[in-house]
């Protein structure tokens, strides 16, 4: 009796000749289609040398940040970075 097919499809890691399995084992290079997008994204962050940090805000601070974002039509990150630069005198 044949095994019932999964509703989610077959698992590519079960077949030994799978491209995904070979990539995980390091036998093949990654597909060429994804390489330029990753390089472009990494060049943007590397050129600016950005760091990612987690910051916790209370409700009043968060509402003020959101209000400024809507007023200036900018991102949360831009508003917080501008505030930090002004506070530290890095302008």
C-alpha atoms as a PDB file:
ATOM      1  CA  UNK A   1       0.000   0.000   0.000  1.00  0.00           C
ATOM      2  CA  UNK A   2       1.369   3.407  -0.990  1.00  0.00           C
ATOM      3  CA  UNK A   3       1.954   6.096   1.613  1.00  0.00           C
ATOM      4  CA  UNK A   4      -0.699   8.785   1.785  1.00  0.00           C
ATOM      5  CA  UNK A   5       0.380  12.046   0.173  1.00  0.00           C
ATOM      6  CA  UNK A   6       0.693  14.966   2.558  1.00  0.00           C
ATOM      7  CA  UNK A   7      -1.612  17.939   2.048  1.00  0.00           C
ATOM      8  CA  UNK A   8       1.447  20.170   2.422  1.00  0.00           C
ATOM      9  CA  UNK A   9       3.412  18.423  -0.303  1.00  0.00           C
ATOM     10  CA  UNK A  10       6.491  16.267  -0.150  1.00  0.00           C
ATOM     11  CA  UNK A  11       9.427  16.913   2.129  1.00  0.00           C
ATOM     12  CA  UNK A  12      12.420  17.756  -0.107  1.00  0.00           C
ATOM     13  CA  UNK A  13      14.865  16.656   2.595  1.00  0.00           C
ATOM     14  CA  UNK A  14      13.692  13.025   2.435  1.00  0.00           C
ATOM     15  CA  UNK A  15      15.071  12.531  -1.070  1.00  0.00           C
ATOM     16  CA  UNK A  16      18.825  12.070  -1.106  1.00  0.00           C
ATOM     17  CA  UNK A  17      19.181  13.789  -4.504  1.00  0.00           C
ATOM     18  CA  UNK A  18      17.381  16.918  -3.304  1.00  0.00           C
ATOM     19  CA  UNK A  19      18.902  20.303  -4.145  1.00  0.00           C
ATOM     20  CA  UNK A  20      17.968  21.620  -0.705  1.00  0.00           C
ATOM     21  CA  UNK A  21      19.619  18.687   1.028  1.00  0.00           C
ATOM     22  CA  UNK A  22      22.784  19.156  -1.013  1.00  0.00           C
ATOM     23  CA  UNK A  23      22.845  22.874  -0.252  1.00  0.00           C
ATOM     24  CA  UNK A  24      22.524  22.166   3.471  1.00  0.00           C
ATOM     25  CA  UNK A  25      25.397  19.719   3.254  1.00  0.00           C
ATOM     26  CA  UNK A  26      27.475  22.224   1.299  1.00  0.00           C
ATOM     27  CA  UNK A  27      27.757  20.132  -1.857  1.00  0.00           C
ATOM     28  CA  UNK A  28      26.258  22.751  -4.190  1.00  0.00           C
ATOM     29  CA  UNK A  29      26.278  26.482  -4.492  1.00  0.00           C
ATOM     30  CA  UNK A  30      23.159  28.457  -3.698  1.00  0.00           C
ATOM     31  CA  UNK A  31      20.833  29.267  -6.597  1.00  0.00           C
ATOM     32  CA  UNK A  32      22.070  32.190  -8.655  1.00  0.00           C
ATOM     33  CA  UNK A  33      18.768  34.069  -8.544  1.00  0.00           C
ATOM     34  CA  UNK A  34      19.035  35.076  -4.866  1.00  0.00           C
ATOM     35  CA  UNK A  35      22.655  36.229  -4.831  1.00  0.00           C
ATOM     36  CA  UNK A  36      22.321  39.817  -6.222  1.00  0.00           C
ATOM     37  CA  UNK A  37      19.452  40.712  -3.891  1.00  0.00           C
ATOM     38  CA  UNK A  38      21.411  39.614  -0.836  1.00  0.00           C
ATOM     39  CA  UNK A  39      24.534  41.450  -1.950  1.00  0.00           C
ATOM     40  CA  UNK A  40      22.622  44.669  -2.529  1.00  0.00           C
ATOM     41  CA  UNK A  41      20.950  44.466   0.872  1.00  0.00           C
ATOM     42  CA  UNK A  42      24.217  43.707   2.667  1.00  0.00           C
ATOM     43  CA  UNK A  43      26.042  46.550   0.906  1.00  0.00           C
ATOM     44  CA  UNK A  44      23.491  49.072   2.189  1.00  0.00           C
ATOM     45  CA  UNK A  45      23.937  48.043   5.820  1.00  0.00           C
ATOM     46  CA  UNK A  46      27.688  47.544   5.528  1.00  0.00           C
ATOM     47  CA  UNK A  47      28.226  50.975   4.010  1.00  0.00           C
ATOM     48  CA  UNK A  48      26.438  52.631   6.919  1.00  0.00           C
ATOM     49  CA  UNK A  49      27.742  50.237   9.603  1.00  0.00           C
ATOM     50  CA  UNK A  50      24.344  50.091  11.284  1.00  0.00           C
ATOM     51  CA  UNK A  51      23.748  48.166  14.507  1.00  0.00           C
ATOM     52  CA  UNK A  52      20.461  46.690  15.657  1.00  0.00           C
ATOM     53  CA  UNK A  53      19.425  47.284  19.262  1.00  0.00           C
ATOM     54  CA  UNK A  54      16.188  46.703  21.155  1.00  0.00           C
ATOM     55  CA  UNK A  55      14.725  49.707  22.953  1.00  0.00           C
ATOM     56  CA  UNK A  56      11.699  49.650  25.243  1.00  0.00           C
ATOM     57  CA  UNK A  57       9.404  52.676  25.402  1.00  0.00           C
ATOM     58  CA  UNK A  58       6.587  53.451  27.799  1.00  0.00           C
ATOM     59  CA  UNK A  59       3.140  54.272  26.395  1.00  0.00           C
ATOM     60  CA  UNK A  60       3.619  58.067  26.358  1.00  0.00           C
ATOM     61  CA  UNK A  61       6.977  57.841  24.578  1.00  0.00           C
ATOM     62  CA  UNK A  62       5.609  55.446  21.999  1.00  0.00           C
ATOM     63  CA  UNK A  63       2.575  57.647  21.300  1.00  0.00           C
ATOM     64  CA  UNK A  64       4.870  60.661  20.842  1.00  0.00           C
ATOM     65  CA  UNK A  65       7.067  58.708  18.406  1.00  0.00           C
ATOM     66  CA  UNK A  66       4.031  57.521  16.438  1.00  0.00           C
ATOM     67  CA  UNK A  67       2.610  61.057  16.290  1.00  0.00           C
ATOM     68  CA  UNK A  68       5.915  62.421  14.980  1.00  0.00           C
ATOM     69  CA  UNK A  69       6.120  59.660  12.371  1.00  0.00           C
ATOM     70  CA  UNK A  70       2.680  60.528  11.036  1.00  0.00           C
ATOM     71  CA  UNK A  71       3.401  64.254  11.156  1.00  0.00           C
ATOM     72  CA  UNK A  72       6.764  64.021   9.342  1.00  0.00           C
ATOM     73  CA  UNK A  73       5.774  61.038   7.157  1.00  0.00           C
ATOM     74  CA  UNK A  74       8.892  59.141   8.248  1.00  0.00           C
ATOM     75  CA  UNK A  75       9.747  55.808   9.830  1.00  0.00           C
ATOM     76  CA  UNK A  76      10.014  55.003  13.523  1.00  0.00           C
ATOM     77  CA  UNK A  77      13.736  54.413  13.121  1.00  0.00           C
ATOM     78  CA  UNK A  78      14.306  57.823  11.558  1.00  0.00           C
ATOM     79  CA  UNK A  79      12.459  59.599  14.380  1.00  0.00           C
ATOM     80  CA  UNK A  80      14.310  57.736  17.143  1.00  0.00           C
ATOM     81  CA  UNK A  81      17.712  58.202  15.477  1.00  0.00           C
ATOM     82  CA  UNK A  82      17.077  61.945  15.023  1.00  0.00           C
ATOM     83  CA  UNK A  83      16.074  62.276  18.680  1.00  0.00           C
ATOM     84  CA  UNK A  84      19.164  60.400  19.841  1.00  0.00           C
ATOM     85  CA  UNK A  85      21.446  62.549  17.660  1.00  0.00           C
ATOM     86  CA  UNK A  86      19.937  65.763  19.030  1.00  0.00           C
ATOM     87  CA  UNK A  87      20.120  64.524  22.631  1.00  0.00           C
ATOM     88  CA  UNK A  88      23.761  63.455  22.284  1.00  0.00           C
ATOM     89  CA  UNK A  89      24.775  66.466  20.195  1.00  0.00           C
ATOM     90  CA  UNK A  90      25.833  64.408  17.186  1.00  0.00           C
ATOM     91  CA  UNK A  91      23.960  66.601  14.686  1.00  0.00           C
END
